[in-house]
Amino acid sequence: MKIYEYSTIFLGAKSTLKYIEEYIPEEYQKIKAGTGKTHLAMAFAYECCCKMLKAYFIKMTELNELFTEARKLDRVGKVMTSLVQPSCLVIDEVGHCVFDAENTRLFFDLVDRRYNKEGSYNMIFTSNKQPSAWRQNFTEEDSLLCALDRIFDDALIFNFNGETHRGLKKEVISLTTKRAKTVALTEQSENNQ
């Protein structure tokens, strides 16, 4: 299953869709930026863990750094295995960093391996950008298009519209300042006596 969000969440893998429809209330299926997409994605990963399924959460910037570091240390295979193994992979905030051509190919490889994986291959993507805008963040367009083709082959889409929850706990304190009257030191000491 795949979930992607750009003020929207996409869920794939029809075998788990029934589960999602049962556990995600309808009102959560229509929200936008700052309205809980990451919380919902994390809640789904948590539910997978409660069902004894492995889940992995990573921000897109961290994934980019992980791929870059793995290439430098010649550990791409090991990193890829660790990302393919979990039943649920959450990639948060797609579109907040730029992937070079090699990391874009690794992103496609990750999506392709999970797509062709036996058993559960849930993927959740969160972003405030529509997929058509992802081109700005992935420098190897062919690999990106192939990845998007697999992501949206079997996906459920959640549109998030509504007011942001951020800032609801804030306190606003208004202060008015005035310039104080300057008092000479000699005047002040005479008044104190």
Protein backbone atom coordinates (compact mmCIF):
# COMPACT_ATOMS: atom_id res chain seq x y z
CA MET A 1 0.00 0.00 0.00
CA LYS A 2 1.16 3.52 -0.69
CA ILE A 3 0.05 6.71 0.96
CA TYR A 4 1.02 10.03 -0.57
CA GLU A 5 -0.06 13.40 0.62
CA TYR A 6 0.14 16.83 -0.98
CA SER A 7 -2.59 18.27 1.06
CA THR A 8 -3.61 14.77 0.17
CA ILE A 9 -2.74 11.26 1.22
CA PHE A 10 -2.72 8.30 -1.12
CA LEU A 11 -3.12 4.76 0.13
CA GLY A 12 -2.49 1.79 -2.08
CA ALA A 13 -2.49 -2.00 -1.78
CA LYS A 14 -6.11 -2.98 -2.02
CA SER A 15 -5.61 -5.78 0.51
CA THR A 16 -5.15 -3.20 3.25
CA LEU A 17 -7.69 -0.67 1.99
CA LYS A 18 -10.51 -2.36 3.88
CA TYR A 19 -8.45 -2.04 7.04
CA ILE A 20 -7.83 1.67 6.36
CA GLU A 21 -11.49 2.37 5.59
CA GLU A 22 -12.46 0.76 8.89
CA TYR A 23 -9.92 2.62 11.02
CA ILE A 24 -9.65 6.06 9.41
CA PRO A 25 -12.81 8.10 9.91
CA GLU A 26 -14.25 9.82 6.85
CA GLU A 27 -13.63 13.29 8.29
CA TYR A 28 -9.86 12.59 8.19
CA GLN A 29 -10.01 12.00 4.47
CA LYS A 30 -10.35 15.73 3.64
CA ILE A 31 -7.69 18.03 5.17
CA LYS A 32 -4.69 20.29 3.95
CA ALA A 33 -1.25 21.63 5.04
CA GLY A 34 -0.89 21.80 8.81
CA THR A 35 -4.01 19.74 9.35
CA GLY A 36 -2.55 16.41 10.44
CA LYS A 37 -1.30 14.50 7.39
CA THR A 38 1.92 13.46 9.11
CA HIS A 39 -0.01 12.54 12.26
CA LEU A 40 -2.34 10.34 10.21
CA ALA A 41 0.59 8.69 8.41
CA MET A 42 2.31 8.03 11.75
CA ALA A 43 -0.94 6.67 13.19
CA PHE A 44 -1.18 4.20 10.32
CA ALA A 45 2.44 3.11 10.92
CA TYR A 46 1.65 2.74 14.62
CA GLU A 47 -1.37 0.56 13.80
CA CYS A 48 0.86 -1.60 11.60
CA CYS A 49 3.19 -2.05 14.57
CA CYS A 50 0.21 -2.97 16.76
CA LYS A 51 -0.58 -5.69 14.19
CA MET A 52 3.02 -6.98 14.58
CA LEU A 53 4.11 -5.50 11.22
CA LYS A 54 7.38 -3.59 10.97
CA ALA A 55 7.13 0.12 10.12
CA TYR A 56 9.80 2.68 9.27
CA PHE A 57 9.36 6.49 9.35
CA ILE A 58 11.82 8.82 7.61
CA LYS A 59 11.72 12.42 6.42
CA MET A 60 12.57 12.94 2.75
CA THR A 61 15.59 15.10 3.68
CA GLU A 62 16.88 12.25 5.87
CA LEU A 63 16.32 9.76 3.04
CA ASN A 64 18.33 11.97 0.69
CA GLU A 65 21.18 12.18 3.25
CA LEU A 66 20.95 8.42 3.87
CA PHE A 67 21.30 7.68 0.14
CA THR A 68 24.22 10.12 -0.23
CA GLU A 69 26.04 8.64 2.78
CA ALA A 70 25.36 5.07 1.60
CA ARG A 71 26.89 5.86 -1.79
CA LYS A 72 30.00 7.36 -0.16
CA LEU A 73 30.47 4.36 2.14
CA ASP A 74 29.50 1.76 -0.49
CA ARG A 75 26.54 0.57 1.63
CA VAL A 76 23.67 1.12 -0.83
CA GLY A 77 22.61 -2.54 -0.74
CA LYS A 78 22.42 -2.63 3.04
CA VAL A 79 20.48 0.66 3.23
CA MET A 80 18.10 -0.44 0.49
CA THR A 81 17.40 -3.73 2.27
CA SER A 82 16.62 -1.89 5.52
CA LEU A 83 14.09 0.29 3.65
CA VAL A 84 12.49 -2.54 1.67
CA GLN A 85 12.02 -4.96 4.60
CA PRO A 86 9.39 -3.13 6.71
CA SER A 87 5.75 -3.76 5.90
CA CYS A 88 5.07 -0.03 6.13
CA LEU A 89 7.41 2.73 4.96
CA VAL A 90 6.47 6.35 5.71
CA ILE A 91 8.37 9.02 3.77
CA ASP A 92 7.42 12.41 5.17
CA GLU A 93 7.63 15.84 3.49
CA VAL A 94 8.39 14.93 -0.12
CA GLY A 95 9.47 18.08 -1.92
CA HIS A 96 11.56 19.69 0.82
CA CYS A 97 14.95 18.84 -0.69
CA VAL A 98 16.57 18.24 -4.07
CA PHE A 99 17.74 14.73 -5.00
CA ASP A 100 20.68 14.51 -7.37
CA ALA A 101 20.40 12.15 -10.35
CA GLU A 102 21.89 9.16 -8.52
CA ASN A 103 19.68 9.61 -5.44
CA THR A 104 16.65 9.96 -7.74
CA ARG A 105 17.57 6.60 -9.30
CA LEU A 106 17.92 5.13 -5.79
CA PHE A 107 14.47 6.53 -4.89
CA PHE A 108 13.02 4.78 -7.96
CA ASP A 109 14.87 1.58 -7.03
CA LEU A 110 13.38 1.74 -3.52
CA VAL A 111 9.84 2.29 -4.83
CA ASP A 112 10.29 -0.44 -7.47
CA ARG A 113 11.61 -3.01 -4.96
CA ARG A 114 8.76 -2.31 -2.55
CA TYR A 115 6.25 -2.38 -5.42
CA ASN A 116 7.47 -5.83 -6.52
CA LYS A 117 7.87 -7.12 -2.97
CA GLU A 118 6.00 -10.23 -1.84
CA GLY A 119 3.54 -9.55 0.94
CA SER A 120 2.89 -6.17 2.49
CA TYR A 121 4.53 -3.20 0.76
CA ASN A 122 2.67 -0.23 2.24
CA MET A 123 4.21 3.11 1.32
CA ILE A 124 3.04 6.42 2.72
CA PHE A 125 4.23 9.69 1.19
CA THR A 126 3.38 13.08 2.66
CA SER A 127 3.95 16.40 0.89
CA ASN A 128 2.42 19.81 0.38
CA LYS A 129 3.26 19.61 -3.32
CA GLN A 130 1.32 17.87 -6.05
CA PRO A 131 3.26 15.08 -7.79
CA SER A 132 3.55 17.19 -10.94
CA ALA A 133 5.67 19.64 -8.90
CA TRP A 134 8.06 16.90 -7.74
CA ARG A 135 10.14 17.46 -10.88
CA GLN A 136 11.70 20.43 -9.08
CA ASN A 137 13.07 18.07 -6.43
CA PHE A 138 14.23 15.08 -8.48
CA THR A 139 16.89 15.75 -11.11
CA GLU A 140 16.49 12.49 -13.04
CA GLU A 141 13.05 12.80 -14.60
CA ASP A 142 12.78 9.33 -16.17
CA SER A 143 13.42 7.64 -12.82
CA LEU A 144 10.94 9.95 -11.11
CA LEU A 145 8.23 9.21 -13.69
CA CYS A 146 8.79 5.46 -13.32
CA ALA A 147 8.58 5.80 -9.52
CA LEU A 148 5.34 7.83 -9.77
CA ASP A 149 3.92 5.22 -12.15
CA ARG A 150 4.40 2.53 -9.48
CA ILE A 151 3.25 4.76 -6.61
CA PHE A 152 -0.05 5.59 -8.32
CA ASP A 153 -0.65 2.18 -9.91
CA ASP A 154 -2.74 1.10 -6.92
CA ALA A 155 -3.32 4.05 -4.61
CA LEU A 156 -5.99 5.56 -2.43
CA ILE A 157 -5.91 9.35 -2.29
CA PHE A 158 -6.88 11.42 0.74
CA ASN A 159 -7.45 15.15 0.08
CA PHE A 160 -6.81 17.27 3.13
CA ASN A 161 -8.71 20.57 3.25
CA GLY A 162 -9.47 22.68 6.28
CA GLU A 163 -7.95 24.95 8.86
CA THR A 164 -4.47 24.32 10.20
CA HIS A 165 -4.13 23.02 13.74
CA ARG A 166 -0.84 24.87 14.20
CA GLY A 167 -0.83 27.86 16.47
CA LEU A 168 -4.01 26.95 18.33
CA LYS A 169 -2.16 26.82 21.65
CA LYS A 170 -0.38 30.12 21.16
CA GLU A 171 -0.79 33.00 23.57
CA VAL A 172 -0.69 36.56 22.34
CA ILE A 173 0.53 39.18 24.76
CA SER A 174 0.28 42.80 23.66
CA LEU A 175 2.58 45.33 25.25
CA THR A 176 2.59 49.07 24.81
CA THR A 177 5.80 50.88 25.57
CA LYS A 178 6.28 54.56 26.31
CA ARG A 179 9.39 56.58 26.49
CA ALA A 180 10.20 57.23 30.16
CA LYS A 181 10.87 60.75 31.39
CA THR A 182 14.57 61.31 31.95
CA VAL A 183 15.40 62.48 35.44
CA ALA A 184 18.78 63.98 36.21
CA LEU A 185 20.73 62.20 38.95
CA THR A 186 21.05 65.32 41.06
CA GLU A 187 17.29 65.89 40.92
CA GLN A 188 16.64 62.31 41.90
CA SER A 189 19.00 62.35 44.90
CA GLU A 190 17.47 65.64 46.17
CA ASN A 191 13.99 64.10 45.99
CA ASN A 192 15.12 61.04 47.95
CA GLN A 193 16.39 63.15 50.88
